[in-house]
Amino acid sequence: MPAKIYQPARNAMQSGQAKTKTWVLEFTQESARSVDPLMGWTGSGDMNSQVRLTFANCTAAIDYAKEHGIAYTVAQPQKRKPVIRNGGYGENFATNRRAVWTH
C-alpha cells in the first residue's frame, strides 16, 4: 500500500502558520468507503487509512518508510509569498491621507 509524505497546509480560516512545520506520512485508501444502511455512517475495512504519522522533517519520514518497506510519494510544499505593504496595517488609519477614504 503506497503512502503519501507531505507537509500540511495552513488552515484556511487562520492567518497563522501553526501546525505546518511537521511532515505527515499518510497511507492512501485501498478500498472504497461504504455507507451503513441502518445508521448512515460511512465506514471502511481499511485500517491503514486511519494511520497518520508525524515527523519533524521530510528525511525522517522517508527513512521510516524505507525502514518498514512502505512505498511512498513525496509532495513538496508550495511556499506562499508573504504580503507586505509599505505602510502596513497602520496605513488604513493614516491621518495624512490625500484621497478620500472609502471601503
Protein backbone atom coordinates (compact mmCIF):
# COMPACT_ATOMS: atom_id res chain seq x y z
CA MET A 1 0.00 0.00 0.00
CA PRO A 2 1.59 3.31 -1.03
CA ALA A 3 1.87 6.20 1.38
CA LYS A 4 1.97 9.94 0.83
CA ILE A 5 4.52 12.14 2.58
CA TYR A 6 3.62 15.82 2.69
CA GLN A 7 3.79 18.98 4.75
CA PRO A 8 0.26 20.07 5.71
CA ALA A 9 -1.01 23.46 4.52
CA ARG A 10 -2.19 26.12 6.90
CA ASN A 11 -5.80 26.30 7.94
CA ALA A 12 -7.79 28.44 5.51
CA MET A 13 -9.65 30.08 8.40
CA GLN A 14 -6.49 31.35 10.11
CA SER A 15 -3.66 33.60 9.01
CA GLY A 16 -1.01 31.90 11.16
CA GLN A 17 1.37 29.13 10.18
CA ALA A 18 0.74 26.80 13.14
CA LYS A 19 0.93 23.04 12.54
CA THR A 20 2.68 23.49 9.19
CA LYS A 21 6.24 22.77 10.31
CA THR A 22 5.88 18.98 10.62
CA TRP A 23 5.76 16.36 7.88
CA VAL A 24 3.00 13.74 7.67
CA LEU A 25 3.11 10.15 6.39
CA GLU A 26 -0.41 9.09 5.48
CA PHE A 27 -1.49 5.84 3.82
CA THR A 28 -3.69 6.02 0.75
CA GLN A 29 -7.09 4.36 0.82
CA GLU A 30 -7.16 0.80 -0.57
CA SER A 31 -10.89 0.19 -0.66
CA ALA A 32 -13.85 2.44 -1.21
CA ARG A 33 -15.87 3.60 1.77
CA SER A 34 -19.36 2.26 2.19
CA VAL A 35 -22.45 3.67 3.88
CA ASP A 36 -24.05 1.64 6.66
CA PRO A 37 -27.70 1.11 5.64
CA LEU A 38 -29.08 1.28 9.20
CA MET A 39 -27.27 4.25 10.74
CA GLY A 40 -25.95 6.03 7.64
CA TRP A 41 -22.37 6.11 8.95
CA THR A 42 -19.52 5.95 6.48
CA GLY A 43 -17.05 3.15 7.10
CA SER A 44 -14.31 1.08 5.57
CA GLY A 45 -12.47 -2.13 6.34
CA ASP A 46 -9.16 -0.45 5.59
CA MET A 47 -7.42 0.19 8.91
CA ASN A 48 -4.27 1.79 7.46
CA SER A 49 -6.21 4.73 6.05
CA GLN A 50 -6.72 5.84 9.67
CA VAL A 51 -2.96 5.95 10.38
CA ARG A 52 -1.32 9.37 10.24
CA LEU A 53 2.27 9.64 11.44
CA THR A 54 4.01 12.97 12.00
CA PHE A 55 7.74 13.61 11.67
CA ALA A 56 10.00 16.58 12.36
CA ASN A 57 11.35 16.67 8.79
CA CYS A 58 10.97 15.03 5.39
CA THR A 59 14.07 12.85 5.65
CA ALA A 60 12.82 11.27 8.88
CA ALA A 61 9.56 10.33 7.17
CA ILE A 62 11.40 8.90 4.16
CA ASP A 63 13.74 6.92 6.43
CA TYR A 64 10.76 5.48 8.29
CA ALA A 65 9.07 4.44 5.04
CA LYS A 66 12.26 2.79 3.75
CA GLU A 67 12.88 1.02 7.06
CA HIS A 68 9.40 -0.50 7.06
CA GLY A 69 9.27 -1.26 3.32
CA ILE A 70 6.49 1.21 2.54
CA ALA A 71 6.17 2.56 -0.99
CA TYR A 72 5.84 6.33 -0.82
CA THR A 73 5.48 9.51 -2.82
CA VAL A 74 6.67 12.90 -1.58
CA ALA A 75 4.60 16.01 -2.26
CA GLN A 76 6.79 19.10 -1.90
CA PRO A 77 5.06 22.10 -0.28
CA GLN A 78 4.33 25.23 -2.26
CA LYS A 79 5.51 28.19 -0.23
CA ARG A 80 3.43 31.33 -0.45
CA LYS A 81 4.90 34.75 -0.93
CA PRO A 82 4.40 36.98 2.12
CA VAL A 83 2.19 40.00 1.55
CA ILE A 84 3.99 43.05 2.92
CA ARG A 85 2.67 46.53 2.23
CA ASN A 86 4.70 49.72 2.60
CA GLY A 87 2.55 51.28 5.29
CA GLY A 88 1.28 48.03 6.73
CA TYR A 89 -1.97 47.83 8.66
CA GLY A 90 -1.48 51.33 10.07
CA GLU A 91 -1.86 52.77 6.58
CA ASN A 92 -5.60 52.14 6.87
CA PHE A 93 -5.82 54.76 9.66
CA ALA A 94 -3.34 57.35 8.36
CA THR A 95 -4.24 60.97 9.10
CA ASN A 96 -2.20 62.33 6.21
CA ARG A 97 -4.29 60.60 3.58
CA ARG A 98 -4.65 62.68 0.37
CA ALA A 99 -7.55 60.71 -1.16
CA VAL A 100 -11.00 60.14 0.25
CA TRP A 101 -11.13 57.06 2.43
CA THR A 102 -13.69 54.53 1.23
CA HIS A 103 -14.32 50.89 1.85
